[in-house]
Amino acid sequence: MRRFLGRFPSALTSVRDARDWLGQRLDLARVPESPRHDALLILSEIATNALLHDPAGRGGGAFFVSVFMYANCLRVAVRATGGPAVPRLEVVPADPYAEHGRGLFLVNSLADTWGVERTGCGPAVYFTLEWEPPQRSPLRQRSEPLPRSGAVRREACGW
């Protein structure tokens, strides 16, 4: 497991910085292209909502991005510093002519799971993504011993 925490100023321009920050970490972990793209899009939506709807979101505060990466899954959470109020998350059909209102629809469509969690420092909105592990080449030598008969091996994502 790899764990990262980023802190960004409460400004809409910081959403791009958070996306770039996450992209670098996903590249280091060799996350495949499709979940990488989805994670960056979902982070943009959640961070933007945190800034637009948080009382301290437009100046003076900050938002935090925490990332937990496993072999074939990741969990990302965004928390603003605006206080203990739990955000109300509701996916609603967007007006086709409206400028806003599609963010949570995208999050709901792309994330394997998502929601709100209470933390010691206030609520956070999180999402998870999972992907298939890369296929091993059949010609490649196995670097670890086979499990004994009856043993079960699992790689848990932790949620």
Protein backbone atom coordinates (compact mmCIF):
# COMPACT_ATOMS: atom_id res chain seq x y z
CA MET A 1 0.00 0.00 0.00
CA ARG A 2 1.11 3.56 -0.76
CA ARG A 3 -0.35 6.55 1.04
CA PHE A 4 -0.17 10.23 0.08
CA LEU A 5 -1.60 13.46 1.50
CA GLY A 6 -1.69 16.77 -0.35
CA ARG A 7 -2.75 20.22 0.91
CA PHE A 8 -3.97 22.86 -1.56
CA PRO A 9 -5.13 26.49 -1.11
CA SER A 10 -8.88 27.14 -1.33
CA ALA A 11 -8.87 28.57 -4.85
CA LEU A 12 -10.44 27.13 -7.98
CA THR A 13 -7.03 27.29 -9.66
CA SER A 14 -5.81 24.77 -7.07
CA VAL A 15 -8.04 22.06 -8.57
CA ARG A 16 -5.60 21.81 -11.49
CA ASP A 17 -2.68 21.62 -9.05
CA ALA A 18 -4.40 18.79 -7.15
CA ARG A 19 -5.09 16.96 -10.42
CA ASP A 20 -1.43 17.32 -11.50
CA TRP A 21 -0.28 16.16 -8.05
CA LEU A 22 -2.49 13.06 -8.21
CA GLY A 23 -1.45 12.36 -11.82
CA GLN A 24 2.22 12.24 -10.79
CA ARG A 25 1.48 9.73 -8.05
CA LEU A 26 -0.66 7.57 -10.34
CA ASP A 27 2.17 7.56 -12.90
CA LEU A 28 4.71 6.49 -10.25
CA ALA A 29 2.41 3.64 -9.24
CA ARG A 30 1.91 2.67 -12.91
CA VAL A 31 -1.88 2.88 -12.70
CA PRO A 32 -3.37 1.91 -16.09
CA GLU A 33 -4.61 4.69 -18.38
CA SER A 34 -8.37 4.19 -17.99
CA PRO A 35 -8.54 4.29 -14.16
CA ARG A 36 -5.91 7.06 -14.19
CA HIS A 37 -8.11 9.19 -16.44
CA ASP A 38 -11.22 8.43 -14.34
CA ALA A 39 -9.43 9.26 -11.07
CA LEU A 40 -8.29 12.66 -12.38
CA LEU A 41 -11.77 13.54 -13.65
CA ILE A 42 -13.48 12.47 -10.42
CA LEU A 43 -10.93 14.37 -8.31
CA SER A 44 -11.60 17.51 -10.36
CA GLU A 45 -15.34 17.22 -9.76
CA ILE A 46 -15.10 16.51 -6.03
CA ALA A 47 -12.45 19.19 -5.36
CA THR A 48 -14.44 21.78 -7.32
CA ASN A 49 -17.58 20.93 -5.33
CA ALA A 50 -15.63 21.15 -2.07
CA LEU A 51 -14.50 24.67 -2.98
CA LEU A 52 -17.84 25.89 -4.34
CA HIS A 53 -20.01 24.54 -1.52
CA ASP A 54 -17.70 24.84 1.49
CA PRO A 55 -18.11 27.97 3.67
CA ALA A 56 -14.33 28.57 3.68
CA GLY A 57 -13.93 27.40 0.10
CA ARG A 58 -13.33 30.72 -1.59
CA GLY A 59 -10.38 32.03 0.32
CA GLY A 60 -8.26 31.64 3.38
CA GLY A 61 -8.83 27.92 3.80
CA ALA A 62 -7.47 24.80 2.21
CA PHE A 63 -8.54 21.42 0.98
CA PHE A 64 -6.79 18.11 1.47
CA VAL A 65 -6.51 15.15 -0.86
CA SER A 66 -5.64 11.77 0.64
CA VAL A 67 -4.77 8.80 -1.55
CA PHE A 68 -4.42 5.12 -0.70
CA MET A 69 -3.07 2.94 -3.53
CA TYR A 70 -2.99 -0.82 -3.66
CA ALA A 71 -1.90 -3.23 -6.42
CA ASN A 72 -5.12 -2.93 -8.42
CA CYS A 73 -7.25 -0.31 -6.69
CA LEU A 74 -7.13 3.13 -5.15
CA ARG A 75 -9.13 5.29 -2.76
CA VAL A 76 -9.09 9.08 -2.90
CA ALA A 77 -10.75 11.45 -0.41
CA VAL A 78 -11.16 15.24 -0.50
CA ARG A 79 -11.74 17.26 2.65
CA ALA A 80 -12.20 21.02 2.88
CA THR A 81 -11.43 23.00 6.04
CA GLY A 82 -14.83 24.67 6.28
CA GLY A 83 -16.23 22.90 9.30
CA PRO A 84 -18.20 19.89 10.46
CA ALA A 85 -21.23 20.22 8.14
CA VAL A 86 -21.70 16.98 6.21
CA PRO A 87 -22.16 17.61 2.48
CA ARG A 88 -25.44 16.48 0.95
CA LEU A 89 -24.65 14.37 -2.08
CA GLU A 90 -27.46 13.85 -4.51
CA VAL A 91 -27.24 12.72 -8.12
CA VAL A 92 -29.96 14.54 -10.04
CA PRO A 93 -30.73 14.62 -13.75
CA ALA A 94 -29.11 17.71 -15.23
CA ASP A 95 -30.99 20.19 -17.34
CA PRO A 96 -29.53 19.71 -20.84
CA TYR A 97 -29.10 23.49 -21.15
CA ALA A 98 -27.63 24.07 -17.69
CA GLU A 99 -23.98 25.01 -17.24
CA HIS A 100 -23.65 23.04 -13.99
CA GLY A 101 -25.10 19.95 -12.37
CA ARG A 102 -23.37 17.02 -14.03
CA GLY A 103 -20.45 16.50 -11.62
CA LEU A 104 -21.96 13.94 -9.26
CA PHE A 105 -23.57 12.17 -12.20
CA LEU A 106 -20.04 11.68 -13.59
CA VAL A 107 -18.70 10.58 -10.20
CA ASN A 108 -21.56 8.10 -9.83
CA SER A 109 -20.95 6.72 -13.33
CA LEU A 110 -17.17 6.32 -13.07
CA ALA A 111 -16.39 5.40 -9.44
CA ASP A 112 -16.74 1.86 -8.12
CA THR A 113 -17.85 3.33 -4.78
CA TRP A 114 -18.15 6.88 -3.46
CA GLY A 115 -19.73 8.76 -0.59
CA VAL A 116 -19.14 10.88 2.48
CA GLU A 117 -17.13 9.83 5.52
CA ARG A 118 -16.73 11.58 8.84
CA THR A 119 -13.15 12.22 9.90
CA GLY A 120 -11.69 13.76 13.03
CA CYS A 121 -11.17 16.98 11.06
CA GLY A 122 -14.55 17.15 9.35
CA PRO A 123 -16.33 15.32 6.55
CA ALA A 124 -14.61 14.10 3.40
CA VAL A 125 -15.98 12.92 0.07
CA TYR A 126 -14.25 9.79 -1.18
CA PHE A 127 -14.23 7.51 -4.21
CA THR A 128 -12.66 4.18 -5.08
CA LEU A 129 -11.57 2.67 -8.38
CA GLU A 130 -10.52 -0.89 -9.12
CA TRP A 131 -8.93 -2.42 -12.23
CA GLU A 132 -7.78 -5.78 -13.47
CA PRO A 133 -4.18 -6.63 -12.51
CA PRO A 134 -1.79 -6.88 -15.47
CA GLN A 135 -1.45 -10.33 -17.03
CA ARG A 136 1.80 -12.15 -16.33
CA SER A 137 3.72 -13.50 -19.27
CA PRO A 138 3.46 -17.33 -19.34
CA LEU A 139 7.18 -17.56 -20.23
CA ARG A 140 8.26 -15.49 -17.25
CA GLN A 141 9.82 -17.28 -14.28
CA ARG A 142 7.76 -17.12 -11.10
CA SER A 143 9.68 -15.11 -8.49
CA GLU A 144 7.66 -16.33 -5.52
CA PRO A 145 6.78 -19.85 -4.43
CA LEU A 146 3.37 -21.28 -5.19
CA PRO A 147 1.01 -21.40 -2.20
CA ARG A 148 0.66 -24.76 -0.49
CA SER A 149 -2.47 -26.69 -1.35
CA GLY A 150 -5.45 -25.42 0.56
CA ALA A 151 -3.88 -21.98 1.14
CA VAL A 152 -5.83 -19.01 -0.15
CA ARG A 153 -4.03 -15.89 -1.35
CA ARG A 154 -5.86 -12.61 -1.72
CA GLU A 155 -4.93 -9.05 -2.41
CA ALA A 156 -7.48 -6.97 -0.56
CA CYS A 157 -8.14 -3.39 -1.47
CA GLY A 158 -8.97 -2.62 2.12
CA TRP A 159 -12.61 -1.66 1.81
